[in-house]
């Protein structure tokens, strides 16, 4: 039985792998999405991440497709109380920004698509520095008080804005961010480490990193001179051209061989071991891709393994 992890100061307990819902309604249609969700839940997974924007970038989509699929799945399986649902506001084509009115309208739209009366973890997807933190936190607090949102969190936010938000919440006794969703992985450490990580650690926030596998690069399937048929291939392949990318891949392969596990499992296990990290986010287009991701829950890297990977990624 996989041990669940407490999410920051909240009462949420989550699986060590957060399943990314960005592929639902994009590279995975409804049937395939249901298969992935079923396999994740069968393995003990309970933490699903989506956003109201997913997947508006696909021709013919309007945004909200991922939430709709997840909502249909929960209704079909009757398992709403068994899963922790995280979604986000600020990027849906019809609900842009973080004004108080927009946050509340977008939350209602997300609730309708998800077919539920509450969101477990509600993120501001991309911070809008032109909107005062007082307005954002005030609107989020209203959602919490109304029972529509259990806990609030932030993604893509500066340390300064995060600190100001937490200070306002504390000063006014309003809902407080419990988690942070940063861009963070073995080939992108400065996007989180430093001021943001230090603040999260000091304030008791949990980190739930996205791009945990660097658009697939940290699965080991992208090499210099190779072609991979994937919508993310361009983003992943750029890492193969860097000295650090090649160094990280070599270290990952060495550690993976010693544990007889996939490279992706090792990359996620390194991330899961980092200060503040509760659960990395990774997505799967098919159930066959899940075991390498779910392995993060069972793999414990040695101090030597961790040092090797940390040094290679410096």
Protein backbone atom coordinates (compact mmCIF):
# COMPACT_ATOMS: atom_id res chain seq x y z
CA UNK A 1 0.00 0.00 0.00
CA UNK A 2 1.53 3.29 -1.11
CA UNK A 3 1.93 5.86 1.66
CA UNK A 4 0.07 9.09 0.99
CA UNK A 5 1.79 12.42 1.59
CA UNK A 6 0.33 15.34 3.47
CA UNK A 7 -0.02 18.39 1.24
CA UNK A 8 1.59 21.26 3.11
CA UNK A 9 -0.50 22.56 5.99
CA UNK A 10 -3.75 21.29 4.45
CA UNK A 11 -5.77 18.23 5.45
CA UNK A 12 -5.28 16.73 1.98
CA UNK A 13 -3.33 13.47 1.69
CA UNK A 14 -2.08 12.70 -1.79
CA UNK A 15 -0.35 9.99 -3.78
CA UNK A 16 3.37 10.66 -4.50
CA UNK A 17 2.53 10.93 -8.22
CA UNK A 18 0.10 13.64 -9.26
CA UNK A 19 -1.52 12.62 -12.55
CA UNK A 20 -1.42 15.44 -15.09
CA UNK A 21 -4.70 15.99 -16.92
CA UNK A 22 -3.33 18.23 -19.69
CA UNK A 23 -3.42 15.34 -22.20
CA UNK A 24 -7.14 14.60 -21.67
CA UNK A 25 -9.00 15.97 -24.66
CA UNK A 26 -5.69 16.62 -26.45
CA UNK A 27 -3.48 13.58 -27.14
CA UNK A 28 -5.85 11.25 -25.27
CA UNK A 29 -9.51 11.08 -26.30
CA UNK A 30 -12.26 10.34 -23.79
CA UNK A 31 -12.00 6.53 -23.95
CA UNK A 32 -8.22 6.55 -23.60
CA UNK A 33 -8.40 9.16 -20.82
CA UNK A 34 -10.84 6.92 -18.91
CA UNK A 35 -8.41 4.00 -19.33
CA UNK A 36 -5.52 6.06 -17.94
CA UNK A 37 -7.60 7.36 -15.03
CA UNK A 38 -8.85 3.85 -14.24
CA UNK A 39 -5.30 2.45 -14.23
CA UNK A 40 -4.03 5.29 -12.04
CA UNK A 41 -6.85 4.83 -9.51
CA UNK A 42 -6.38 1.04 -9.51
CA UNK A 43 -2.74 1.57 -8.53
CA UNK A 44 -3.78 3.69 -5.54
CA UNK A 45 -3.51 7.09 -7.23
CA UNK A 46 -5.80 9.81 -5.90
CA UNK A 47 -4.32 13.18 -7.01
CA UNK A 48 -5.39 14.58 -10.41
CA UNK A 49 -4.23 17.93 -11.78
CA UNK A 50 -6.01 19.88 -14.50
CA UNK A 51 -6.84 23.48 -15.47
CA UNK A 52 -9.82 25.27 -16.97
CA UNK A 53 -7.61 26.14 -19.97
CA UNK A 54 -6.87 22.50 -20.95
CA UNK A 55 -6.91 22.05 -23.88
CA UNK A 56 -7.96 25.30 -25.58
CA UNK A 57 -4.87 25.23 -27.83
CA UNK A 58 -6.23 22.29 -29.84
CA UNK A 59 -8.11 23.23 -32.99
CA UNK A 60 -11.83 22.81 -32.40
CA UNK A 61 -11.53 22.91 -28.59
CA UNK A 62 -12.98 25.67 -26.45
CA UNK A 63 -11.11 24.98 -23.21
CA UNK A 64 -12.32 22.89 -20.31
CA UNK A 65 -12.18 19.59 -22.20
CA UNK A 66 -9.93 18.00 -19.57
CA UNK A 67 -12.20 19.01 -16.69
CA UNK A 68 -15.23 17.69 -18.58
CA UNK A 69 -13.59 14.29 -19.15
CA UNK A 70 -12.50 14.03 -15.51
CA UNK A 71 -16.02 14.99 -14.40
CA UNK A 72 -17.60 12.32 -16.61
CA UNK A 73 -15.13 9.75 -15.29
CA UNK A 74 -15.88 10.57 -11.65
CA UNK A 75 -19.61 10.37 -12.31
CA UNK A 76 -19.28 7.04 -14.15
CA UNK A 77 -17.12 5.54 -11.40
CA UNK A 78 -18.90 7.15 -8.45
CA UNK A 79 -15.56 7.97 -6.85
CA UNK A 80 -15.60 11.72 -6.23
CA UNK A 81 -14.84 11.30 -2.52
CA UNK A 82 -11.81 9.11 -3.30
CA UNK A 83 -9.90 11.63 -5.40
CA UNK A 84 -8.21 14.99 -4.83
CA UNK A 85 -8.99 17.29 -7.76
CA UNK A 86 -6.77 20.28 -8.48
CA UNK A 87 -7.66 22.80 -11.15
CA UNK A 88 -6.61 26.33 -12.07
CA UNK A 89 -7.92 29.75 -13.08
CA UNK A 90 -6.68 32.61 -15.31
CA UNK A 91 -6.13 31.15 -18.78
CA UNK A 92 -9.51 29.85 -20.06
CA UNK A 93 -10.42 31.79 -23.23
CA UNK A 94 -13.69 32.94 -21.63
CA UNK A 95 -12.23 33.55 -18.16
CA UNK A 96 -8.97 35.42 -18.57
CA UNK A 97 -7.15 36.97 -15.64
CA UNK A 98 -7.45 37.10 -11.86
CA UNK A 99 -9.99 39.79 -11.16
CA UNK A 100 -12.32 38.86 -8.31
CA UNK A 101 -15.30 38.57 -10.65
CA UNK A 102 -13.38 36.37 -13.07
CA UNK A 103 -12.06 34.03 -10.36
CA UNK A 104 -15.57 33.42 -9.03
CA UNK A 105 -17.14 32.96 -12.48
CA UNK A 106 -14.35 30.64 -13.62
CA UNK A 107 -14.69 28.53 -10.47
CA UNK A 108 -18.39 28.06 -11.10
CA UNK A 109 -17.67 27.03 -14.69
CA UNK A 110 -15.03 24.54 -13.52
CA UNK A 111 -17.45 23.08 -10.97
CA UNK A 112 -20.06 22.56 -13.69
CA UNK A 113 -17.59 20.82 -16.00
CA UNK A 114 -16.22 18.65 -13.19
CA UNK A 115 -19.75 17.78 -12.08
CA UNK A 116 -18.93 18.43 -8.44
CA UNK A 117 -19.80 20.89 -5.69
CA UNK A 118 -16.22 21.53 -4.60
CA UNK A 119 -12.65 21.78 -5.88
CA UNK A 120 -10.07 20.31 -3.51
CA UNK A 121 -7.15 22.50 -4.59
CA UNK A 122 -7.68 25.67 -6.62
CA UNK A 123 -4.62 27.32 -8.20
CA UNK A 124 -4.10 30.72 -9.69
CA UNK A 125 -2.59 29.39 -12.93
CA UNK A 126 -0.50 32.40 -13.93
CA UNK A 127 -0.11 35.37 -11.63
CA UNK A 128 -1.30 38.77 -12.86
CA UNK A 129 0.91 41.37 -11.14
CA UNK A 130 -1.45 44.17 -12.19
CA UNK A 131 -4.15 42.69 -9.91
CA UNK A 132 -3.59 43.45 -6.19
CA UNK A 133 -2.99 40.35 -4.07
CA UNK A 134 -5.74 41.65 -1.80
CA UNK A 135 -8.30 41.26 -4.60
CA UNK A 136 -7.10 37.77 -5.56
CA UNK A 137 -6.93 36.40 -2.01
CA UNK A 138 -10.25 38.04 -1.15
CA UNK A 139 -12.01 36.29 -4.03
CA UNK A 140 -10.39 32.94 -3.24
CA UNK A 141 -11.35 33.29 0.42
CA UNK A 142 -14.99 33.83 -0.60
CA UNK A 143 -14.88 30.56 -2.56
CA UNK A 144 -13.47 28.74 0.47
CA UNK A 145 -16.09 30.22 2.79
CA UNK A 146 -18.81 29.21 0.31
CA UNK A 147 -17.57 25.61 0.35
CA UNK A 148 -16.76 25.66 -3.36
CA UNK A 149 -13.00 25.33 -2.77
CA UNK A 150 -11.27 23.42 0.04
CA UNK A 151 -7.75 24.82 -0.30
CA UNK A 152 -5.99 27.41 -2.46
CA UNK A 153 -2.62 27.36 -4.19
CA UNK A 154 -0.49 29.31 -6.67
CA UNK A 155 1.40 28.51 -9.85
CA UNK A 156 3.80 30.61 -11.91
CA UNK A 157 4.23 33.31 -9.28
CA UNK A 158 7.25 35.26 -8.08
CA UNK A 159 8.61 34.91 -4.56
CA UNK A 160 7.73 38.56 -3.93
CA UNK A 161 4.09 38.18 -4.93
CA UNK A 162 3.78 34.90 -3.06
CA UNK A 163 5.20 36.48 0.11
CA UNK A 164 2.81 39.43 -0.20
CA UNK A 165 -0.15 37.05 -0.67
CA UNK A 166 0.75 34.99 2.40
CA UNK A 167 1.29 38.12 4.50
CA UNK A 168 -2.12 39.49 3.51
CA UNK A 169 -3.83 36.18 4.31
CA UNK A 170 -2.16 36.08 7.72
CA UNK A 171 -2.90 39.71 8.48
CA UNK A 172 -6.59 39.48 7.57
CA UNK A 173 -7.21 35.89 8.68
CA UNK A 174 -8.20 34.80 5.18
CA UNK A 175 -7.62 31.59 3.23
CA UNK A 176 -3.90 30.94 2.76
CA UNK A 177 -2.01 29.24 -0.03
CA UNK A 178 -1.04 25.70 0.99
CA UNK A 179 0.79 24.65 -2.16
CA UNK A 180 2.83 25.93 -5.05
CA UNK A 181 3.12 24.52 -8.57
CA UNK A 182 6.53 25.47 -9.96
CA UNK A 183 8.35 24.49 -13.16
CA UNK A 184 11.00 22.18 -11.70
CA UNK A 185 13.01 19.17 -12.82
CA UNK A 186 16.57 17.88 -13.17
CA UNK A 187 17.34 20.13 -16.15
CA UNK A 188 15.42 23.15 -14.84
CA UNK A 189 16.37 23.78 -11.24
CA UNK A 190 16.73 27.56 -11.16
CA UNK A 191 13.02 27.89 -12.01
CA UNK A 192 12.30 26.90 -8.39
CA UNK A 193 15.43 26.59 -6.28
CA UNK A 194 16.42 29.78 -4.50
CA UNK A 195 14.03 32.44 -3.23
CA UNK A 196 10.81 30.60 -4.18
CA UNK A 197 11.83 27.27 -2.65
CA UNK A 198 13.20 28.97 0.45
CA UNK A 199 9.93 30.82 0.92
CA UNK A 200 7.87 27.65 0.44
CA UNK A 201 10.00 25.83 2.99
CA UNK A 202 9.80 28.66 5.50
CA UNK A 203 6.02 29.07 5.11
CA UNK A 204 5.15 25.35 5.07
CA UNK A 205 3.93 25.22 1.45
CA UNK A 206 4.03 21.98 -0.53
CA UNK A 207 5.49 22.00 -4.04
CA UNK A 208 3.77 20.06 -6.82
CA UNK A 209 6.17 20.53 -9.76
CA UNK A 210 5.04 20.58 -13.38
CA UNK A 211 7.27 19.64 -16.35
CA UNK A 212 8.63 17.03 -13.92
CA UNK A 213 10.01 15.04 -16.88
CA UNK A 214 11.00 18.07 -18.97
CA UNK A 215 8.40 17.41 -21.69
CA UNK A 216 9.54 13.78 -21.85
CA UNK A 217 13.30 14.38 -22.08
CA UNK A 218 13.85 12.76 -18.68
CA UNK A 219 12.24 9.51 -19.86
CA UNK A 220 15.45 8.90 -21.84
CA UNK A 221 13.79 8.51 -25.23
CA UNK A 222 15.07 11.78 -26.68
CA UNK A 223 18.65 11.73 -27.99
CA UNK A 224 20.74 13.84 -30.31
CA UNK A 225 19.88 12.83 -33.85
CA UNK A 226 16.77 10.83 -32.91
CA UNK A 227 13.21 11.66 -33.93
CA UNK A 228 10.27 10.98 -31.61
CA UNK A 229 6.67 11.29 -32.75
CA UNK A 230 5.22 13.45 -29.98
CA UNK A 231 3.65 16.93 -29.74
CA UNK A 232 6.30 17.67 -27.11
CA UNK A 233 9.29 16.45 -29.11
CA UNK A 234 10.67 19.90 -29.90
CA UNK A 235 10.64 21.02 -26.26
CA UNK A 236 12.25 17.80 -25.08
CA UNK A 237 14.88 17.51 -27.80
CA UNK A 238 16.49 20.87 -26.99
CA UNK A 239 17.85 19.40 -23.73
CA UNK A 240 19.67 16.67 -25.66
CA UNK A 241 21.79 19.36 -27.30
CA UNK A 242 23.14 20.72 -24.00
CA UNK A 243 26.09 19.42 -22.01
CA UNK A 244 23.99 19.39 -18.85
CA UNK A 245 21.23 17.43 -20.58
CA UNK A 246 23.65 14.74 -21.70
CA UNK A 247 25.28 14.65 -18.26
CA UNK A 248 21.92 14.25 -16.52
CA UNK A 249 20.82 11.50 -18.89
CA UNK A 250 24.03 9.55 -18.32
CA UNK A 251 23.60 9.78 -14.53
CA UNK A 252 19.94 8.80 -14.77
CA UNK A 253 20.76 5.74 -16.84
CA UNK A 254 23.46 4.65 -14.41
CA UNK A 255 21.14 4.93 -11.41
CA UNK A 256 18.24 3.32 -13.29
CA UNK A 257 20.42 0.32 -14.18
CA UNK A 258 21.48 -0.16 -10.57
CA UNK A 259 17.84 -0.23 -9.41
CA UNK A 260 16.50 -2.00 -12.53
CA UNK A 261 13.83 0.63 -13.07
CA UNK A 262 12.98 2.99 -15.95
CA UNK A 263 14.86 6.26 -16.30
CA UNK A 264 11.62 8.24 -15.78
CA UNK A 265 11.11 6.60 -12.37
CA UNK A 266 14.54 7.78 -11.21
CA UNK A 267 13.96 11.35 -12.48
CA UNK A 268 10.67 11.55 -10.57
CA UNK A 269 12.18 9.97 -7.44
CA UNK A 270 14.95 12.61 -7.39
CA UNK A 271 12.30 15.33 -7.62
CA UNK A 272 10.15 13.71 -4.93
CA UNK A 273 13.16 13.73 -2.59
CA UNK A 274 13.73 17.47 -2.86
CA UNK A 275 12.81 19.85 -0.02
CA UNK A 276 9.10 20.88 -0.02
CA UNK A 277 8.12 18.55 -2.91
CA UNK A 278 4.96 16.57 -2.11
CA UNK A 279 4.24 15.03 -5.51
CA UNK A 280 5.63 15.66 -9.00
CA UNK A 281 3.11 15.95 -11.84
CA UNK A 282 3.43 13.65 -14.84
CA UNK A 283 0.91 12.73 -17.51
CA UNK A 284 0.28 9.58 -19.52
CA UNK A 285 -1.44 9.24 -22.88
CA UNK A 286 -1.90 5.48 -22.43
CA UNK A 287 -2.13 3.11 -19.44
CA UNK A 288 1.10 1.48 -20.64
CA UNK A 289 3.01 4.68 -19.81
CA UNK A 290 1.84 4.71 -16.19
CA UNK A 291 4.02 2.06 -14.46
CA UNK A 292 7.23 4.03 -15.03
CA UNK A 293 5.55 7.07 -13.45
CA UNK A 294 3.86 5.25 -10.56
CA UNK A 295 7.20 3.67 -9.67
CA UNK A 296 8.12 6.91 -7.91
CA UNK A 297 5.98 5.74 -4.99
CA UNK A 298 8.13 2.63 -4.43
CA UNK A 299 11.66 3.75 -5.33
CA UNK A 300 13.96 5.05 -2.60
CA UNK A 301 17.21 6.45 -3.97
CA UNK A 302 20.39 6.16 -1.91
CA UNK A 303 22.31 9.23 -0.78
CA UNK A 304 24.93 8.31 -3.37
CA UNK A 305 22.27 8.18 -6.11
CA UNK A 306 20.89 11.56 -5.09
CA UNK A 307 24.35 13.14 -4.95
CA UNK A 308 25.21 11.80 -8.41
CA UNK A 309 22.05 13.22 -9.94
CA UNK A 310 22.27 16.54 -8.11
CA UNK A 311 25.88 16.99 -9.19
CA UNK A 312 25.13 16.05 -12.81
CA UNK A 313 22.29 18.57 -12.97
CA UNK A 314 24.21 21.46 -11.43
